[in-house]
Amino acid sequence: MAIKQVLHTDFAPAAVGPYSQAISANNMIFTSGQIPINPASGKIEATTIEEQTEQVMKNLHYVLARGGVAFDRVIKTTCFLADMNDFAAFNSVYAKYFPENPPARSCVQVAALPMGAKVEVEAIAVQG
């Protein structure tokens, strides 16, 4: 039987609904999507896709770290863009976090993201 553990860190934005920042189960971490909220202010302060992607990846870093892993343990991401025209600029920032052996990934354009965000990223990682 799987044991589910809720992961939470104050270094990433608090959940704005009935969900957890991440769940650990069977040596896997499943993160909720991270948008570019500055956890100190609770607001999206970044305006460009590059700045927003940096904040998203920073938030994701802290959520993963709460589960004891770094980006090198990520095996799958799902990326949501409000505008697919931002794809190249998003990739230029995203790639810095996965310089070798990047995870499997899906990237889709969506009609809208919470709080008017331009980008959201969720991840699955392996612990241990």
C-alpha atoms as a PDB file:
ATOM      1  CA  MET A   1       0.000   0.000   0.000  1.00  0.00           C
ATOM      2  CA  ALA A   2       1.300   3.448  -0.912  1.00  0.00           C
ATOM      3  CA  ILE A   3       1.950   5.945   1.814  1.00  0.00           C
ATOM      4  CA  LYS A   4       1.085   9.484   0.834  1.00  0.00           C
ATOM      5  CA  GLN A   5       2.938  12.403   2.395  1.00  0.00           C
ATOM      6  CA  VAL A   6       1.975  16.026   1.822  1.00  0.00           C
ATOM      7  CA  LEU A   7       4.974  18.253   1.118  1.00  0.00           C
ATOM      8  CA  HIS A   8       4.892  21.948   1.972  1.00  0.00           C
ATOM      9  CA  THR A   9       7.447  24.741   2.064  1.00  0.00           C
ATOM     10  CA  ASP A  10       7.062  28.398   2.911  1.00  0.00           C
ATOM     11  CA  PHE A  11       9.708  29.175   0.258  1.00  0.00           C
ATOM     12  CA  ALA A  12       7.150  28.527  -2.501  1.00  0.00           C
ATOM     13  CA  PRO A  13       3.681  30.016  -2.869  1.00  0.00           C
ATOM     14  CA  ALA A  14       1.008  28.573  -0.614  1.00  0.00           C
ATOM     15  CA  ALA A  15      -1.771  26.642  -2.307  1.00  0.00           C
ATOM     16  CA  VAL A  16      -4.578  28.948  -3.437  1.00  0.00           C
ATOM     17  CA  GLY A  17      -7.156  26.178  -3.439  1.00  0.00           C
ATOM     18  CA  PRO A  18      -7.844  22.667  -2.177  1.00  0.00           C
ATOM     19  CA  TYR A  19      -4.540  21.106  -3.230  1.00  0.00           C
ATOM     20  CA  SER A  20      -1.043  20.464  -1.883  1.00  0.00           C
ATOM     21  CA  GLN A  21       2.189  21.939  -3.218  1.00  0.00           C
ATOM     22  CA  ALA A  22       3.395  18.372  -3.734  1.00  0.00           C
ATOM     23  CA  ILE A  23       2.760  14.791  -2.710  1.00  0.00           C
ATOM     24  CA  SER A  24       5.386  12.148  -2.028  1.00  0.00           C
ATOM     25  CA  ALA A  25       4.327   8.528  -2.552  1.00  0.00           C
ATOM     26  CA  ASN A  26       6.347   5.377  -3.232  1.00  0.00           C
ATOM     27  CA  ASN A  27       9.611   7.327  -3.633  1.00  0.00           C
ATOM     28  CA  MET A  28       8.038   9.662  -6.192  1.00  0.00           C
ATOM     29  CA  ILE A  29       7.230  13.363  -5.912  1.00  0.00           C
ATOM     30  CA  PHE A  30       4.291  14.808  -7.800  1.00  0.00           C
ATOM     31  CA  THR A  31       4.225  18.602  -7.720  1.00  0.00           C
ATOM     32  CA  SER A  32       1.262  20.803  -8.335  1.00  0.00           C
ATOM     33  CA  GLY A  33       1.697  23.325 -11.096  1.00  0.00           C
ATOM     34  CA  GLN A  34       3.789  26.297 -10.087  1.00  0.00           C
ATOM     35  CA  ILE A  35       2.961  29.727 -11.425  1.00  0.00           C
ATOM     36  CA  PRO A  36       5.213  32.787 -11.037  1.00  0.00           C
ATOM     37  CA  ILE A  37       3.905  33.954  -7.673  1.00  0.00           C
ATOM     38  CA  ASN A  38       6.503  35.578  -5.448  1.00  0.00           C
ATOM     39  CA  PRO A  39       5.926  33.692  -2.180  1.00  0.00           C
ATOM     40  CA  ALA A  40       6.900  36.747  -0.109  1.00  0.00           C
ATOM     41  CA  SER A  41       4.184  38.957  -1.598  1.00  0.00           C
ATOM     42  CA  GLY A  42       1.690  36.379  -2.838  1.00  0.00           C
ATOM     43  CA  LYS A  43       1.574  38.217  -6.165  1.00  0.00           C
ATOM     44  CA  ILE A  44       2.895  37.819  -9.683  1.00  0.00           C
ATOM     45  CA  GLU A  45       5.505  40.550  -9.984  1.00  0.00           C
ATOM     46  CA  ALA A  46       7.439  39.380 -13.048  1.00  0.00           C
ATOM     47  CA  THR A  47       6.126  40.655 -16.376  1.00  0.00           C
ATOM     48  CA  THR A  48       8.121  38.978 -19.168  1.00  0.00           C
ATOM     49  CA  ILE A  49       7.945  35.279 -20.017  1.00  0.00           C
ATOM     50  CA  GLU A  50      11.626  34.941 -19.100  1.00  0.00           C
ATOM     51  CA  GLU A  51      11.146  36.544 -15.662  1.00  0.00           C
ATOM     52  CA  GLN A  52       7.997  34.528 -15.023  1.00  0.00           C
ATOM     53  CA  THR A  53       9.721  31.283 -16.028  1.00  0.00           C
ATOM     54  CA  GLU A  54      12.615  32.050 -13.645  1.00  0.00           C
ATOM     55  CA  GLN A  55      10.146  32.548 -10.776  1.00  0.00           C
ATOM     56  CA  VAL A  56       8.264  29.356 -11.674  1.00  0.00           C
ATOM     57  CA  MET A  57      11.480  27.334 -11.714  1.00  0.00           C
ATOM     58  CA  LYS A  58      12.600  28.904  -8.430  1.00  0.00           C
ATOM     59  CA  ASN A  59       9.266  27.941  -6.854  1.00  0.00           C
ATOM     60  CA  LEU A  60       9.547  24.440  -8.291  1.00  0.00           C
ATOM     61  CA  HIS A  61      13.099  24.152  -6.913  1.00  0.00           C
ATOM     62  CA  TYR A  62      11.884  24.819  -3.369  1.00  0.00           C
ATOM     63  CA  VAL A  63       8.972  22.398  -3.639  1.00  0.00           C
ATOM     64  CA  LEU A  64      11.273  19.657  -4.948  1.00  0.00           C
ATOM     65  CA  ALA A  65      13.862  20.448  -2.269  1.00  0.00           C
ATOM     66  CA  ARG A  66      11.203  19.896   0.399  1.00  0.00           C
ATOM     67  CA  GLY A  67      11.047  16.332  -0.915  1.00  0.00           C
ATOM     68  CA  GLY A  68      14.830  16.034  -0.839  1.00  0.00           C
ATOM     69  CA  VAL A  69      15.442  16.176  -4.578  1.00  0.00           C
ATOM     70  CA  ALA A  70      16.840  18.568  -7.171  1.00  0.00           C
ATOM     71  CA  PHE A  71      16.109  19.075 -10.859  1.00  0.00           C
ATOM     72  CA  ASP A  72      18.379  16.167 -11.825  1.00  0.00           C
ATOM     73  CA  ARG A  73      15.808  13.794 -10.280  1.00  0.00           C
ATOM     74  CA  VAL A  74      12.908  15.125 -12.367  1.00  0.00           C
ATOM     75  CA  ILE A  75      11.656  12.543 -14.859  1.00  0.00           C
ATOM     76  CA  LYS A  76       8.649  14.365 -16.380  1.00  0.00           C
ATOM     77  CA  THR A  77       7.333  17.903 -16.592  1.00  0.00           C
ATOM     78  CA  THR A  78       4.168  19.346 -17.988  1.00  0.00           C
ATOM     79  CA  CYS A  79       4.442  22.958 -19.084  1.00  0.00           C
ATOM     80  CA  PHE A  80       1.532  25.270 -19.769  1.00  0.00           C
ATOM     81  CA  LEU A  81       1.950  28.479 -21.764  1.00  0.00           C
ATOM     82  CA  ALA A  82      -0.677  31.165 -22.183  1.00  0.00           C
ATOM     83  CA  ASP A  83       0.870  31.992 -25.581  1.00  0.00           C
ATOM     84  CA  MET A  84       2.798  29.466 -27.691  1.00  0.00           C
ATOM     85  CA  ASN A  85       4.649  32.410 -29.242  1.00  0.00           C
ATOM     86  CA  ASP A  86       6.577  32.435 -25.927  1.00  0.00           C
ATOM     87  CA  PHE A  87       7.840  28.876 -26.537  1.00  0.00           C
ATOM     88  CA  ALA A  88      11.419  29.795 -27.559  1.00  0.00           C
ATOM     89  CA  ALA A  89      11.858  32.337 -24.756  1.00  0.00           C
ATOM     90  CA  PHE A  90      10.416  29.876 -22.237  1.00  0.00           C
ATOM     91  CA  ASN A  91      12.789  27.147 -23.468  1.00  0.00           C
ATOM     92  CA  SER A  92      15.810  29.437 -23.109  1.00  0.00           C
ATOM     93  CA  VAL A  93      15.173  29.716 -19.353  1.00  0.00           C
ATOM     94  CA  TYR A  94      13.816  26.199 -18.786  1.00  0.00           C
ATOM     95  CA  ALA A  95      16.882  24.613 -20.418  1.00  0.00           C
ATOM     96  CA  LYS A  96      19.199  26.177 -17.818  1.00  0.00           C
ATOM     97  CA  TYR A  97      17.573  24.002 -15.146  1.00  0.00           C
ATOM     98  CA  PHE A  98      18.077  20.774 -17.117  1.00  0.00           C
ATOM     99  CA  PRO A  99      21.544  21.104 -18.712  1.00  0.00           C
ATOM    100  CA  GLU A 100      22.003  17.324 -19.054  1.00  0.00           C
ATOM    101  CA  ASN A 101      19.544  14.489 -19.587  1.00  0.00           C
ATOM    102  CA  PRO A 102      16.396  16.639 -19.515  1.00  0.00           C
ATOM    103  CA  PRO A 103      13.160  14.986 -18.397  1.00  0.00           C
ATOM    104  CA  ALA A 104      10.355  13.882 -20.654  1.00  0.00           C
ATOM    105  CA  ARG A 105       8.042  16.836 -21.232  1.00  0.00           C
ATOM    106  CA  SER A 106       4.742  17.989 -22.596  1.00  0.00           C
ATOM    107  CA  CYS A 107       4.194  21.662 -23.399  1.00  0.00           C
ATOM    108  CA  VAL A 108       0.793  23.004 -24.323  1.00  0.00           C
ATOM    109  CA  GLN A 109      -0.900  26.333 -24.855  1.00  0.00           C
ATOM    110  CA  VAL A 110      -3.898  26.962 -22.623  1.00  0.00           C
ATOM    111  CA  ALA A 111      -6.680  29.529 -22.815  1.00  0.00           C
ATOM    112  CA  ALA A 112      -5.713  31.075 -19.477  1.00  0.00           C
ATOM    113  CA  LEU A 113      -3.696  30.437 -16.326  1.00  0.00           C
ATOM    114  CA  PRO A 114      -4.465  31.464 -12.738  1.00  0.00           C
ATOM    115  CA  MET A 115      -3.833  35.089 -11.827  1.00  0.00           C
ATOM    116  CA  GLY A 116      -3.025  35.957 -15.447  1.00  0.00           C
ATOM    117  CA  ALA A 117       0.253  34.004 -15.412  1.00  0.00           C
ATOM    118  CA  LYS A 118       2.069  33.414 -18.684  1.00  0.00           C
ATOM    119  CA  VAL A 119       3.512  30.038 -17.611  1.00  0.00           C
ATOM    120  CA  GLU A 120       2.925  27.110 -15.251  1.00  0.00           C
ATOM    121  CA  VAL A 121       5.102  24.023 -14.745  1.00  0.00           C
ATOM    122  CA  GLU A 122       4.439  20.791 -12.828  1.00  0.00           C
ATOM    123  CA  ALA A 123       6.915  17.972 -12.289  1.00  0.00           C
ATOM    124  CA  ILE A 124       7.311  14.346 -11.328  1.00  0.00           C
ATOM    125  CA  ALA A 125      10.581  13.357  -9.648  1.00  0.00           C
ATOM    126  CA  VAL A 126      12.184  10.246  -8.193  1.00  0.00           C
ATOM    127  CA  GLN A 127      13.415  10.252  -4.597  1.00  0.00           C
ATOM    128  CA  GLY A 128      16.241   8.184  -3.137  1.00  0.00           C
END
